[in-house]
C-alpha atoms as a PDB file:
ATOM      1  CA  MET A   1     132.148 102.579  19.535  1.00  0.00           C
ATOM      2  CA  LYS A   2     131.781 103.118  15.704  1.00  0.00           C
ATOM      3  CA  LEU A   3     133.509 105.934  14.340  1.00  0.00           C
ATOM      4  CA  GLU A   4     132.727 106.816  10.635  1.00  0.00           C
ATOM      5  CA  VAL A   5     134.844 109.653   9.128  1.00  0.00           C
ATOM      6  CA  GLY A   6     134.799 110.607   5.643  1.00  0.00           C
ATOM      7  CA  PRO A   7     133.891 112.822   2.583  1.00  0.00           C
ATOM      8  CA  THR A   8     130.338 114.662   2.785  1.00  0.00           C
ATOM      9  CA  SER A   9     128.106 116.774   0.846  1.00  0.00           C
ATOM     10  CA  ASP A  10     126.185 117.556   4.125  1.00  0.00           C
ATOM     11  CA  LEU A  11     127.402 121.346   4.248  1.00  0.00           C
ATOM     12  CA  GLU A  12     124.573 122.113   6.475  1.00  0.00           C
ATOM     13  CA  THR A  13     125.743 119.709   9.299  1.00  0.00           C
ATOM     14  CA  CYS A  14     129.208 120.713   9.154  1.00  0.00           C
ATOM     15  CA  LEU A  15     128.297 124.437   9.343  1.00  0.00           C
ATOM     16  CA  ALA A  16     126.081 123.654  12.365  1.00  0.00           C
ATOM     17  CA  LEU A  17     129.019 121.694  13.999  1.00  0.00           C
ATOM     18  CA  ARG A  18     131.341 124.746  13.169  1.00  0.00           C
ATOM     19  CA  ALA A  19     128.907 127.165  14.589  1.00  0.00           C
ATOM     20  CA  THR A  20     128.620 125.232  17.809  1.00  0.00           C
ATOM     21  CA  VAL A  21     132.491 124.944  18.234  1.00  0.00           C
ATOM     22  CA  PHE A  22     133.843 128.291  16.843  1.00  0.00           C
ATOM     23  CA  ILE A  23     131.122 130.726  16.855  1.00  0.00           C
ATOM     24  CA  GLU A  24     129.449 130.002  20.338  1.00  0.00           C
ATOM     25  CA  GLU A  25     132.253 128.039  22.124  1.00  0.00           C
ATOM     26  CA  GLN A  26     135.270 130.269  20.945  1.00  0.00           C
ATOM     27  CA  ASN A  27     133.421 133.334  20.104  1.00  0.00           C
ATOM     28  CA  VAL A  28     134.645 133.399  16.509  1.00  0.00           C
ATOM     29  CA  PRO A  29     132.675 136.154  14.551  1.00  0.00           C
ATOM     30  CA  GLU A  30     130.241 134.512  12.477  1.00  0.00           C
ATOM     31  CA  ALA A  31     131.561 136.766   9.503  1.00  0.00           C
ATOM     32  CA  GLU A  32     134.915 135.121   9.937  1.00  0.00           C
ATOM     33  CA  GLU A  33     133.902 131.655  10.293  1.00  0.00           C
ATOM     34  CA  ARG A  34     131.804 131.994   7.163  1.00  0.00           C
ATOM     35  CA  ASP A  35     134.381 133.119   4.585  1.00  0.00           C
ATOM     36  CA  GLY A  36     132.400 132.136   1.353  1.00  0.00           C
ATOM     37  CA  ARG A  37     135.081 129.342   0.611  1.00  0.00           C
ATOM     38  CA  ASP A  38     132.703 126.387   1.529  1.00  0.00           C
ATOM     39  CA  GLY A  39     131.330 126.022  -1.927  1.00  0.00           C
ATOM     40  CA  GLU A  40     135.003 125.450  -3.291  1.00  0.00           C
ATOM     41  CA  ALA A  41     136.184 123.247  -0.477  1.00  0.00           C
ATOM     42  CA  HIS A  42     136.014 119.474   0.124  1.00  0.00           C
ATOM     43  CA  HIS A  43     134.180 118.547   3.271  1.00  0.00           C
ATOM     44  CA  LEU A  44     134.579 115.593   5.524  1.00  0.00           C
ATOM     45  CA  LEU A  45     132.376 114.560   8.438  1.00  0.00           C
ATOM     46  CA  ALA A  46     132.930 112.376  11.376  1.00  0.00           C
ATOM     47  CA  ARG A  47     129.948 110.411  12.944  1.00  0.00           C
ATOM     48  CA  LEU A  48     130.211 108.501  15.971  1.00  0.00           C
ATOM     49  CA  GLU A  49     127.640 105.790  16.656  1.00  0.00           C
ATOM     50  CA  GLY A  50     125.610 107.603  13.384  1.00  0.00           C
ATOM     51  CA  ARG A  51     125.827 111.087  15.269  1.00  0.00           C
ATOM     52  CA  PRO A  52     127.732 114.094  13.649  1.00  0.00           C
ATOM     53  CA  VAL A  53     130.445 115.050  16.046  1.00  0.00           C
ATOM     54  CA  GLY A  54     133.013 116.686  14.001  1.00  0.00           C
ATOM     55  CA  CYS A  55     134.092 118.125  10.550  1.00  0.00           C
ATOM     56  CA  ALA A  56     136.901 119.562   8.564  1.00  0.00           C
ATOM     57  CA  ARG A  57     137.520 121.290   5.239  1.00  0.00           C
ATOM     58  CA  ILE A  58     139.991 121.391   2.493  1.00  0.00           C
ATOM     59  CA  LEU A  59     140.890 123.896   0.150  1.00  0.00           C
ATOM     60  CA  ILE A  60     143.133 122.512  -2.806  1.00  0.00           C
ATOM     61  CA  LYS A  61     145.319 125.397  -4.667  1.00  0.00           C
ATOM     62  CA  GLY A  62     147.976 123.785  -7.019  1.00  0.00           C
ATOM     63  CA  GLU A  63     150.236 121.207  -5.397  1.00  0.00           C
ATOM     64  CA  THR A  64     148.974 122.285  -1.803  1.00  0.00           C
ATOM     65  CA  GLY A  65     145.893 121.334   0.069  1.00  0.00           C
ATOM     66  CA  LYS A  66     144.660 123.515   3.222  1.00  0.00           C
ATOM     67  CA  ILE A  67     143.125 121.512   6.101  1.00  0.00           C
ATOM     68  CA  GLY A  68     141.027 124.034   7.889  1.00  0.00           C
ATOM     69  CA  ARG A  69     137.676 124.547  10.251  1.00  0.00           C
ATOM     70  CA  VAL A  70     138.607 121.208  11.949  1.00  0.00           C
ATOM     71  CA  CYS A  71     136.285 120.968  14.871  1.00  0.00           C
ATOM     72  CA  VAL A  72     135.054 118.155  17.211  1.00  0.00           C
ATOM     73  CA  LEU A  73     132.044 118.695  19.598  1.00  0.00           C
ATOM     74  CA  ARG A  74     133.235 119.138  23.161  1.00  0.00           C
ATOM     75  CA  GLU A  75     131.508 116.191  24.539  1.00  0.00           C
ATOM     76  CA  ALA A  76     133.212 114.067  22.014  1.00  0.00           C
ATOM     77  CA  ARG A  77     136.742 115.234  22.545  1.00  0.00           C
ATOM     78  CA  GLY A  78     139.540 112.912  23.799  1.00  0.00           C
ATOM     79  CA  ALA A  79     138.084 109.774  21.812  1.00  0.00           C
ATOM     80  CA  GLY A  80     140.624 110.141  18.864  1.00  0.00           C
ATOM     81  CA  ILE A  81     138.062 111.821  16.482  1.00  0.00           C
ATOM     82  CA  GLY A  82     140.089 114.782  15.713  1.00  0.00           C
ATOM     83  CA  ALA A  83     143.009 112.571  14.761  1.00  0.00           C
ATOM     84  CA  ALA A  84     140.773 110.589  12.573  1.00  0.00           C
ATOM     85  CA  LEU A  85     139.568 113.708  10.932  1.00  0.00           C
ATOM     86  CA  ILE A  86     143.254 114.628  10.125  1.00  0.00           C
ATOM     87  CA  ARG A  87     144.051 111.231   8.920  1.00  0.00           C
ATOM     88  CA  ALA A  88     141.088 111.276   6.501  1.00  0.00           C
ATOM     89  CA  CYS A  89     141.951 114.621   5.158  1.00  0.00           C
ATOM     90  CA  LEU A  90     145.447 113.250   4.430  1.00  0.00           C
ATOM     91  CA  ALA A  91     144.133 110.492   2.809  1.00  0.00           C
ATOM     92  CA  HIS A  92     141.810 112.524   0.866  1.00  0.00           C
ATOM     93  CA  LEU A  93     144.612 114.468  -0.323  1.00  0.00           C
ATOM     94  CA  ARG A  94     146.702 111.673  -1.131  1.00  0.00           C
ATOM     95  CA  ALA A  95     143.900 110.781  -3.543  1.00  0.00           C
ATOM     96  CA  GLN A  96     144.055 114.090  -5.417  1.00  0.00           C
ATOM     97  CA  ALA A  97     146.158 114.318  -8.464  1.00  0.00           C
ATOM     98  CA  GLY A  98     149.225 116.745  -7.959  1.00  0.00           C
ATOM     99  CA  VAL A  99     148.839 117.681  -4.274  1.00  0.00           C
ATOM    100  CA  SER A 100     152.371 116.861  -2.289  1.00  0.00           C
ATOM    101  CA  ARG A 101     151.956 119.462   0.637  1.00  0.00           C
ATOM    102  CA  ALA A 102     149.253 119.497   3.431  1.00  0.00           C
ATOM    103  CA  VAL A 103     149.291 122.868   5.582  1.00  0.00           C
ATOM    104  CA  LEU A 104     146.775 124.189   8.167  1.00  0.00           C
ATOM    105  CA  GLY A 105     146.649 127.081  10.734  1.00  0.00           C
ATOM    106  CA  SER A 106     146.943 125.463  13.979  1.00  0.00           C
ATOM    107  CA  GLN A 107     145.849 127.450  17.389  1.00  0.00           C
ATOM    108  CA  THR A 108     149.035 127.476  19.216  1.00  0.00           C
ATOM    109  CA  HIS A 109     147.436 125.154  22.081  1.00  0.00           C
ATOM    110  CA  ALA A 110     147.096 122.304  19.618  1.00  0.00           C
ATOM    111  CA  LEU A 111     150.907 122.434  17.916  1.00  0.00           C
ATOM    112  CA  GLY A 112     151.664 119.258  19.836  1.00  0.00           C
ATOM    113  CA  PHE A 113     148.346 117.445  18.708  1.00  0.00           C
ATOM    114  CA  TYR A 114     149.362 118.334  14.821  1.00  0.00           C
ATOM    115  CA  GLU A 115     153.041 117.479  15.737  1.00  0.00           C
ATOM    116  CA  LYS A 116     151.898 113.796  16.693  1.00  0.00           C
ATOM    117  CA  LEU A 117     150.228 113.750  13.329  1.00  0.00           C
ATOM    118  CA  GLY A 118     153.490 114.525  11.649  1.00  0.00           C
ATOM    119  CA  PHE A 119     153.048 118.128  10.955  1.00  0.00           C
ATOM    120  CA  VAL A 120     155.990 120.834  11.555  1.00  0.00           C
ATOM    121  CA  ALA A 121     155.415 124.358  12.508  1.00  0.00           C
ATOM    122  CA  PHE A 122     156.908 127.115  10.288  1.00  0.00           C
ATOM    123  CA  GLY A 123     156.613 130.813  10.220  1.00  0.00           C
ATOM    124  CA  PRO A 124     155.791 133.341  13.122  1.00  0.00           C
ATOM    125  CA  GLU A 125     152.955 133.096  15.310  1.00  0.00           C
ATOM    126  CA  TYR A 126     149.837 135.163  14.257  1.00  0.00           C
ATOM    127  CA  MET A 127     146.274 136.042  15.465  1.00  0.00           C
ATOM    128  CA  ASP A 128     143.454 134.608  13.510  1.00  0.00           C
ATOM    129  CA  ALA A 129     139.895 135.551  15.067  1.00  0.00           C
ATOM    130  CA  GLY A 130     141.766 136.672  18.182  1.00  0.00           C
ATOM    131  CA  ILE A 131     143.074 133.219  18.893  1.00  0.00           C
ATOM    132  CA  PRO A 132     147.326 132.873  18.408  1.00  0.00           C
ATOM    133  CA  HIS A 133     147.944 130.480  15.613  1.00  0.00           C
ATOM    134  CA  ARG A 134     151.090 128.926  13.537  1.00  0.00           C
ATOM    135  CA  ASP A 135     150.930 127.606  10.503  1.00  0.00           C
ATOM    136  CA  MET A 136     152.016 123.839  10.092  1.00  0.00           C
ATOM    137  CA  GLU A 137     152.782 121.708   6.931  1.00  0.00           C
ATOM    138  CA  ARG A 138     153.742 118.004   6.019  1.00  0.00           C
ATOM    139  CA  ALA A 139     153.654 115.819   3.305  1.00  0.00           C
ATOM    140  CA  PRO A 140     150.073 114.212   2.862  1.00  0.00           C
END
């Protein structure tokens, strides 16, 4: 199994992956998923055997990198692709001058996944796109 994960300028492919996972599978309204911030974001793409299967984006503000829009196609889940995406996001943040904190909003069912990658939950549970979330953080 050949998995490649890294920065990409292929926003069209990332948006298609996100539409499949968030809009079609999780019923997130398109207006919420397409928040107008992709132009300022850093995007990462995961390819399995050359086929796009997952993506993530990072928004940087000051010393904080916010990892978001992390998704993996249903048929590719369970193969470590999500963890590889998060590790690649953290490596990307470490390469950015002045970034000392990584944050993300985790769907509550995925808290354990992010905890295994070193993230710690903080703050109260909240709803985002009708899905329960908690904020999480760690050093990149």
